[in-house]
């Protein structure tokens, strides 16, 4: 089976939905259906030429369509588990935006259902598929850096810097009790875990909410959208703007990360450094095609994607030659390529993407972060 014989249906019409649609189109995958509010589903279908429209958020009707093989869930976080379970029960493959669910009790149900299903469930941790991340993973596996000592980095954004910045993620009832860590911090944690080939064992965290109250508009606001302050009302904030997190991995490696959605001037900087006994590697999402390699007794290097410094086993997940930058949209395309090839091959390709157990573990990490911040101690990820 070819990936182009598979057909996708999209649930949700917000910021990330068009990213999924565009990436799938670039792979030659047909997007045959979209589901959301009646008006937004119609508008999305008109813009992208999608034939089947399911308004009034009627995802079950979309699941009944014989023209949908893979469901992409891009709806608000609180709906992920319900929609994923129904998709698996309907015999559909699933690509679910992170987080997999609002709490570990919920996500455990998805893990159980996915294990019984004959279909594939993936969680959209697309950062694994930046060629630089795959390159760093290969370097660690091969021992290029020596024994890994520690990892350090951050994920900084500024789109919620002002008290007039609003999105549904700010509300714990909509997005979960952790906002900065849950929304962007888990991307950092998953990328590091993927590179190390290890899982987080325990955490120590400090959370801070700088805007105790924010102003919100009376209507719906999409991610990164601008709103008129004159139409806003004040409300209390129950999620964090910033987090400082220490992590211990089950292979003994220590890591520390700063996570912020109020870092002025930083639009989307996921940066990490892997420090070993022989060398280090550092990378930033805002310069995605370069890896900085540091050594004590030899000259430092900058490796560029598409040059001999990048390994052959990264080549399948990069389409353009050196000097032609690849970035955020390409990471989604490569992620879906890995997922759809796994489906088309009957699960015979390497399992590089995040699965239900990975998504479940990330939610357990978030719960441990919350507990650690509350008690001021190291907390084991159960």
Protein backbone atom coordinates (compact mmCIF):
# COMPACT_ATOMS: atom_id res chain seq x y z
CA UNK A 1 0.00 0.00 0.00
CA UNK A 2 1.18 3.55 -0.78
CA UNK A 3 0.67 6.45 1.61
CA UNK A 4 -1.15 8.26 -1.20
CA UNK A 5 -3.91 5.66 -1.03
CA UNK A 6 -4.71 6.72 2.55
CA UNK A 7 -7.30 9.45 3.15
CA UNK A 8 -7.39 11.88 6.07
CA UNK A 9 -10.13 13.65 8.00
CA UNK A 10 -9.36 16.70 10.17
CA UNK A 11 -11.15 17.55 13.42
CA UNK A 12 -10.69 21.20 14.37
CA UNK A 13 -10.18 24.39 12.37
CA UNK A 14 -7.78 26.42 14.54
CA UNK A 15 -4.14 27.44 14.07
CA UNK A 16 -2.67 23.95 13.77
CA UNK A 17 -5.31 22.36 11.50
CA UNK A 18 -4.04 24.03 8.28
CA UNK A 19 -0.51 22.92 9.22
CA UNK A 20 -1.74 19.31 9.16
CA UNK A 21 -3.66 19.84 5.91
CA UNK A 22 -0.78 21.49 4.08
CA UNK A 23 1.75 18.87 5.21
CA UNK A 24 -0.53 16.03 4.12
CA UNK A 25 -1.12 17.64 0.74
CA UNK A 26 2.64 17.94 0.22
CA UNK A 27 2.91 14.19 0.81
CA UNK A 28 0.19 13.46 -1.73
CA UNK A 29 -2.31 12.35 0.93
CA UNK A 30 -5.93 13.22 0.18
CA UNK A 31 -7.69 15.29 2.86
CA UNK A 32 -11.27 14.22 2.30
CA UNK A 33 -13.14 15.59 5.34
CA UNK A 34 -13.13 18.37 7.92
CA UNK A 35 -15.13 18.65 11.15
CA UNK A 36 -15.74 21.69 13.37
CA UNK A 37 -18.33 24.36 13.97
CA UNK A 38 -20.59 24.61 10.95
CA UNK A 39 -19.23 28.00 9.84
CA UNK A 40 -15.55 27.19 10.41
CA UNK A 41 -15.77 23.74 8.83
CA UNK A 42 -17.39 25.27 5.74
CA UNK A 43 -14.75 28.02 5.55
CA UNK A 44 -11.90 25.52 5.91
CA UNK A 45 -13.41 23.23 3.28
CA UNK A 46 -13.84 26.14 0.87
CA UNK A 47 -10.26 27.33 1.38
CA UNK A 48 -8.63 23.93 0.98
CA UNK A 49 -11.05 22.22 -1.40
CA UNK A 50 -12.12 19.52 1.06
CA UNK A 51 -15.18 17.61 -0.20
CA UNK A 52 -16.82 16.34 3.00
CA UNK A 53 -17.95 18.84 5.65
CA UNK A 54 -19.14 17.84 9.13
CA UNK A 55 -20.54 20.84 10.98
CA UNK A 56 -21.81 21.17 14.52
CA UNK A 57 -18.67 19.29 15.69
CA UNK A 58 -20.25 16.01 14.54
CA UNK A 59 -17.05 13.96 14.51
CA UNK A 60 -18.94 10.67 14.86
CA UNK A 61 -20.58 11.28 11.49
CA UNK A 62 -17.14 11.86 10.00
CA UNK A 63 -15.90 8.60 11.55
CA UNK A 64 -18.71 6.80 9.73
CA UNK A 65 -17.42 8.00 6.37
CA UNK A 66 -15.82 5.27 4.22
CA UNK A 67 -13.64 8.01 2.73
CA UNK A 68 -11.63 8.60 5.92
CA UNK A 69 -8.84 6.22 6.95
CA UNK A 70 -6.84 8.44 9.31
CA UNK A 71 -8.27 10.99 11.74
CA UNK A 72 -6.21 14.06 12.72
CA UNK A 73 -7.44 15.46 16.05
CA UNK A 74 -6.59 19.17 16.34
CA UNK A 75 -9.45 20.18 18.65
CA UNK A 76 -9.06 21.72 22.15
CA UNK A 77 -7.25 19.52 24.67
CA UNK A 78 -10.30 18.59 26.71
CA UNK A 79 -11.80 16.78 23.69
CA UNK A 80 -8.79 14.66 22.70
CA UNK A 81 -9.51 11.53 24.72
CA UNK A 82 -13.20 11.34 23.80
CA UNK A 83 -12.45 11.80 20.10
CA UNK A 84 -9.46 9.44 20.07
CA UNK A 85 -11.37 6.62 21.78
CA UNK A 86 -14.28 6.99 19.36
CA UNK A 87 -11.91 6.97 16.38
CA UNK A 88 -10.18 3.78 17.53
CA UNK A 89 -13.57 2.15 18.13
CA UNK A 90 -14.56 3.11 14.58
CA UNK A 91 -11.46 1.40 13.19
CA UNK A 92 -9.66 4.61 12.23
CA UNK A 93 -5.97 5.39 12.53
CA UNK A 94 -5.36 8.45 14.73
CA UNK A 95 -2.93 11.36 14.76
CA UNK A 96 -3.73 13.28 17.96
CA UNK A 97 -2.36 16.67 18.86
CA UNK A 98 -0.63 16.82 22.21
CA UNK A 99 -1.48 16.51 24.99
CA UNK A 100 -3.10 13.12 24.55
CA UNK A 101 -5.52 14.02 27.35
CA UNK A 102 -6.20 16.20 30.39
CA UNK A 103 -4.92 13.73 32.99
CA UNK A 104 -3.23 10.33 33.27
CA UNK A 105 -6.44 8.56 34.26
CA UNK A 106 -7.91 9.61 30.91
CA UNK A 107 -4.84 8.81 28.84
CA UNK A 108 -4.51 5.36 30.41
CA UNK A 109 -7.82 4.54 28.71
CA UNK A 110 -6.37 5.57 25.36
CA UNK A 111 -3.26 3.43 25.91
CA UNK A 112 -5.47 0.43 26.66
CA UNK A 113 -7.72 1.04 23.65
CA UNK A 114 -4.77 1.63 21.31
CA UNK A 115 -3.12 -1.62 22.42
CA UNK A 116 -6.27 -3.55 21.51
CA UNK A 117 -6.90 -1.72 18.23
CA UNK A 118 -5.73 -2.93 14.85
CA UNK A 119 -4.99 0.66 13.90
CA UNK A 120 -2.16 3.10 14.65
CA UNK A 121 -2.31 5.97 17.14
CA UNK A 122 0.35 8.69 17.05
CA UNK A 123 0.76 11.81 19.20
CA UNK A 124 1.88 14.92 17.34
CA UNK A 125 5.32 15.55 18.82
CA UNK A 126 6.63 16.75 15.48
CA UNK A 127 9.94 18.12 16.82
CA UNK A 128 11.36 14.60 16.61
CA UNK A 129 11.40 15.03 12.84
CA UNK A 130 13.62 18.04 12.46
CA UNK A 131 16.67 16.56 10.72
CA UNK A 132 18.89 18.11 13.40
CA UNK A 133 17.04 16.25 16.17
CA UNK A 134 17.38 12.97 14.26
CA UNK A 135 21.07 13.76 13.72
CA UNK A 136 21.63 14.42 17.44
CA UNK A 137 19.84 11.20 18.31
CA UNK A 138 22.07 9.24 15.93
CA UNK A 139 25.18 10.90 17.39
CA UNK A 140 24.16 9.93 20.93
CA UNK A 141 23.37 6.36 19.88
CA UNK A 142 26.72 6.04 18.15
CA UNK A 143 28.62 7.44 21.13
CA UNK A 144 30.01 10.52 19.34
CA UNK A 145 29.54 12.68 22.44
CA UNK A 146 30.91 10.14 24.89
CA UNK A 147 28.99 9.55 28.09
CA UNK A 148 26.08 12.00 28.32
CA UNK A 149 26.47 14.15 31.43
CA UNK A 150 23.62 16.65 31.28
CA UNK A 151 21.11 18.45 29.06
CA UNK A 152 20.17 22.12 29.25
CA UNK A 153 17.77 24.30 27.32
CA UNK A 154 14.58 26.29 27.04
CA UNK A 155 11.38 26.81 25.10
CA UNK A 156 10.56 30.52 24.93
CA UNK A 157 7.63 32.32 23.29
CA UNK A 158 6.15 35.80 23.84
CA UNK A 159 2.64 35.48 22.43
CA UNK A 160 1.08 35.67 25.93
CA UNK A 161 3.38 38.44 27.23
CA UNK A 162 0.66 41.05 27.74
CA UNK A 163 -2.36 40.78 30.01
CA UNK A 164 -4.54 41.42 26.97
CA UNK A 165 -3.20 38.32 25.20
CA UNK A 166 -5.78 35.54 25.34
CA UNK A 167 -6.31 32.00 24.13
CA UNK A 168 -8.40 29.09 25.43
CA UNK A 169 -5.17 27.45 26.69
CA UNK A 170 -5.02 30.06 29.47
CA UNK A 171 -8.04 28.41 31.12
CA UNK A 172 -7.28 25.20 33.02
CA UNK A 173 -10.80 23.95 32.27
CA UNK A 174 -10.06 24.10 28.53
CA UNK A 175 -6.37 23.27 28.14
CA UNK A 176 -5.38 21.59 31.41
CA UNK A 177 -3.80 22.73 34.67
CA UNK A 178 -0.36 23.19 33.08
CA UNK A 179 -0.20 25.68 30.23
CA UNK A 180 3.42 26.60 29.39
CA UNK A 181 4.77 23.17 30.33
CA UNK A 182 1.85 21.26 28.82
CA UNK A 183 1.63 23.29 25.62
CA UNK A 184 5.29 23.81 24.69
CA UNK A 185 7.40 22.30 27.48
CA UNK A 186 6.36 18.78 26.60
CA UNK A 187 7.76 19.32 23.09
CA UNK A 188 11.15 20.06 24.70
CA UNK A 189 10.91 17.07 27.04
CA UNK A 190 9.83 14.71 24.26
CA UNK A 191 12.63 15.88 21.95
CA UNK A 192 15.26 15.35 24.66
CA UNK A 193 13.80 11.96 25.61
CA UNK A 194 13.86 10.95 21.93
CA UNK A 195 17.49 12.02 21.52
CA UNK A 196 18.60 10.24 24.70
CA UNK A 197 16.48 7.13 24.18
CA UNK A 198 15.41 7.48 27.82
CA UNK A 199 12.39 8.41 29.93
CA UNK A 200 11.98 11.04 32.64
CA UNK A 201 12.10 9.37 36.04
CA UNK A 202 11.60 12.33 38.42
CA UNK A 203 11.16 16.11 38.36
CA UNK A 204 11.61 19.21 40.51
CA UNK A 205 9.65 22.23 39.34
CA UNK A 206 8.86 25.87 40.08
CA UNK A 207 5.89 27.50 38.38
CA UNK A 208 5.00 31.19 38.19
CA UNK A 209 1.97 33.08 36.94
CA UNK A 210 2.97 36.68 36.29
CA UNK A 211 -0.45 37.82 35.12
CA UNK A 212 -2.78 36.85 37.97
CA UNK A 213 -5.59 38.36 35.94
CA UNK A 214 -5.92 38.75 32.19
CA UNK A 215 -8.44 40.34 29.86
CA UNK A 216 -10.36 38.22 27.39
CA UNK A 217 -12.72 39.03 24.53
CA UNK A 218 -16.31 37.93 24.60
CA UNK A 219 -15.97 35.78 21.49
CA UNK A 220 -13.72 33.00 20.21
CA UNK A 221 -10.00 33.72 19.69
CA UNK A 222 -7.72 31.47 17.65
CA UNK A 223 -4.10 30.79 18.59
CA UNK A 224 -1.79 33.80 17.94
CA UNK A 225 -4.76 35.95 16.82
CA UNK A 226 -4.97 39.68 17.70
CA UNK A 227 -7.99 41.09 19.53
CA UNK A 228 -9.36 44.54 20.34
CA UNK A 229 -8.68 45.43 24.03
CA UNK A 230 -11.84 47.56 24.11
CA UNK A 231 -14.03 44.47 23.81
CA UNK A 232 -12.43 42.59 26.72
CA UNK A 233 -13.45 41.57 30.23
CA UNK A 234 -11.15 40.73 33.17
CA UNK A 235 -10.81 37.16 34.50
CA UNK A 236 -8.53 35.27 36.95
CA UNK A 237 -5.71 33.12 35.53
CA UNK A 238 -5.24 29.55 36.83
CA UNK A 239 -2.32 28.38 34.64
CA UNK A 240 1.40 29.22 34.63
CA UNK A 241 3.25 31.66 32.39
CA UNK A 242 6.72 30.34 33.30
CA UNK A 243 8.30 27.16 34.62
CA UNK A 244 11.75 26.09 35.70
CA UNK A 245 12.05 22.29 35.63
CA UNK A 246 14.83 19.92 36.68
CA UNK A 247 14.56 16.39 35.30
CA UNK A 248 16.28 13.09 36.06
CA UNK A 249 16.21 10.43 33.36
CA UNK A 250 16.15 6.69 33.91
CA UNK A 251 19.65 6.42 32.38
CA UNK A 252 21.09 8.79 35.01
CA UNK A 253 21.22 11.92 32.85
CA UNK A 254 20.20 15.22 34.46
CA UNK A 255 18.43 18.00 32.54
CA UNK A 256 17.13 21.47 33.25
CA UNK A 257 14.68 23.50 31.20
CA UNK A 258 13.15 26.98 31.38
CA UNK A 259 9.72 27.23 29.77
CA UNK A 260 8.09 30.61 29.14
CA UNK A 261 5.25 32.09 27.11
CA UNK A 262 6.12 35.60 28.34
CA UNK A 263 9.69 35.93 26.99
CA UNK A 264 9.70 39.20 25.04
CA UNK A 265 11.19 38.91 21.58
CA UNK A 266 11.25 35.11 21.45
CA UNK A 267 8.64 33.88 19.00
CA UNK A 268 9.31 30.14 19.08
CA UNK A 269 12.74 29.23 20.45
CA UNK A 270 13.07 25.58 21.41
CA UNK A 271 16.76 25.29 22.27
CA UNK A 272 18.65 22.37 23.77
CA UNK A 273 22.20 21.32 24.42
CA UNK A 274 23.37 17.73 24.90
CA UNK A 275 26.63 17.70 26.88
CA UNK A 276 28.83 14.61 26.88
CA UNK A 277 32.26 13.64 28.16
CA UNK A 278 33.78 14.01 24.66
CA UNK A 279 31.67 16.67 22.92
CA UNK A 280 28.44 18.65 23.02
CA UNK A 281 25.71 19.47 20.51
CA UNK A 282 23.44 22.52 20.65
CA UNK A 283 20.43 23.40 18.50
CA UNK A 284 17.70 26.05 18.31
CA UNK A 285 14.41 25.74 16.43
CA UNK A 286 14.82 29.33 15.22
CA UNK A 287 17.93 28.18 13.30
CA UNK A 288 16.70 24.68 12.49
CA UNK A 289 19.24 23.73 9.83
CA UNK A 290 22.36 24.08 12.00
CA UNK A 291 23.87 22.15 14.91
CA UNK A 292 26.69 23.67 16.96
CA UNK A 293 29.25 21.02 17.97
CA UNK A 294 31.56 21.86 20.86
CA UNK A 295 34.82 20.16 21.84
CA UNK A 296 37.46 20.93 24.45
CA UNK A 297 40.66 20.02 22.57
CA UNK A 298 39.59 20.45 18.94
CA UNK A 299 37.97 23.24 16.91
CA UNK A 300 34.24 23.68 17.34
CA UNK A 301 32.00 23.11 14.33
CA UNK A 302 28.69 24.15 12.85
CA UNK A 303 27.02 21.25 11.03
CA UNK A 304 24.57 22.23 8.32
CA UNK A 305 21.70 20.09 7.10
CA UNK A 306 22.31 18.66 3.66
CA UNK A 307 26.11 18.55 4.01
CA UNK A 308 28.33 15.51 4.71
CA UNK A 309 28.14 16.22 8.45
CA UNK A 310 24.59 14.91 8.48
CA UNK A 311 24.22 11.15 8.46
CA UNK A 312 22.69 9.09 5.71
CA UNK A 313 20.01 7.77 8.07
CA UNK A 314 18.62 11.32 8.30
CA UNK A 315 18.26 11.59 4.51
CA UNK A 316 14.79 10.01 4.37
CA UNK A 317 13.45 12.86 6.49
CA UNK A 318 14.88 15.75 4.51
CA UNK A 319 13.77 16.55 0.95
CA UNK A 320 15.81 19.59 -0.05
CA UNK A 321 19.56 19.92 -0.71
CA UNK A 322 21.90 21.91 1.49
CA UNK A 323 21.38 25.67 1.38
CA UNK A 324 17.61 25.28 0.96
CA UNK A 325 16.23 25.74 4.50
CA UNK A 326 13.67 23.37 5.99
CA UNK A 327 11.70 24.32 9.08
CA UNK A 328 8.50 23.97 11.09
CA UNK A 329 6.13 22.92 8.25
CA UNK A 330 8.68 20.36 7.06
CA UNK A 331 8.88 18.74 10.50
CA UNK A 332 5.14 18.06 10.28
CA UNK A 333 5.47 16.70 6.77
CA UNK A 334 8.26 14.33 7.83
CA UNK A 335 6.35 13.30 10.94
CA UNK A 336 3.28 12.37 8.89
CA UNK A 337 5.49 10.62 6.36
CA UNK A 338 6.78 8.35 9.16
CA UNK A 339 3.27 7.72 10.49
CA UNK A 340 1.64 7.06 7.12
CA UNK A 341 4.50 4.81 5.98
CA UNK A 342 4.08 2.84 9.21
CA UNK A 343 0.37 2.44 8.48
CA UNK A 344 0.88 1.60 4.79
CA UNK A 345 3.57 -1.00 5.56
CA UNK A 346 1.42 -2.85 8.08
CA UNK A 347 3.54 -1.48 10.95
CA UNK A 348 6.82 -2.77 9.50
CA UNK A 349 8.75 0.53 9.45
CA UNK A 350 10.80 1.82 12.44
CA UNK A 351 8.62 3.30 15.18
CA UNK A 352 10.11 6.80 15.39
CA UNK A 353 6.96 8.80 16.18
CA UNK A 354 5.35 9.21 19.61
CA UNK A 355 2.72 6.59 20.45
CA UNK A 356 -0.08 6.39 23.03
CA UNK A 357 2.31 5.21 25.80
CA UNK A 358 4.60 8.17 25.01
CA UNK A 359 1.69 10.60 25.18
CA UNK A 360 0.54 8.99 28.43
CA UNK A 361 4.02 9.35 29.94
CA UNK A 362 4.15 13.04 29.00
CA UNK A 363 0.87 13.61 30.84
CA UNK A 364 2.28 11.79 33.88
CA UNK A 365 5.32 14.08 33.72
CA UNK A 366 2.99 17.09 33.75
CA UNK A 367 1.18 15.75 36.80
CA UNK A 368 4.53 15.22 38.55
CA UNK A 369 5.54 18.80 37.67
CA UNK A 370 2.32 20.12 39.23
CA UNK A 371 2.86 18.07 42.38
CA UNK A 372 6.51 19.08 42.68
CA UNK A 373 5.65 22.77 42.35
CA UNK A 374 3.01 22.35 45.08
CA UNK A 375 5.18 20.46 47.60
CA UNK A 376 8.59 21.93 46.74
CA UNK A 377 10.28 18.54 46.40
CA UNK A 378 11.47 16.03 43.84
CA UNK A 379 8.56 13.91 42.62
CA UNK A 380 8.81 10.53 40.91
CA UNK A 381 6.91 10.12 37.65
CA UNK A 382 4.57 7.29 38.59
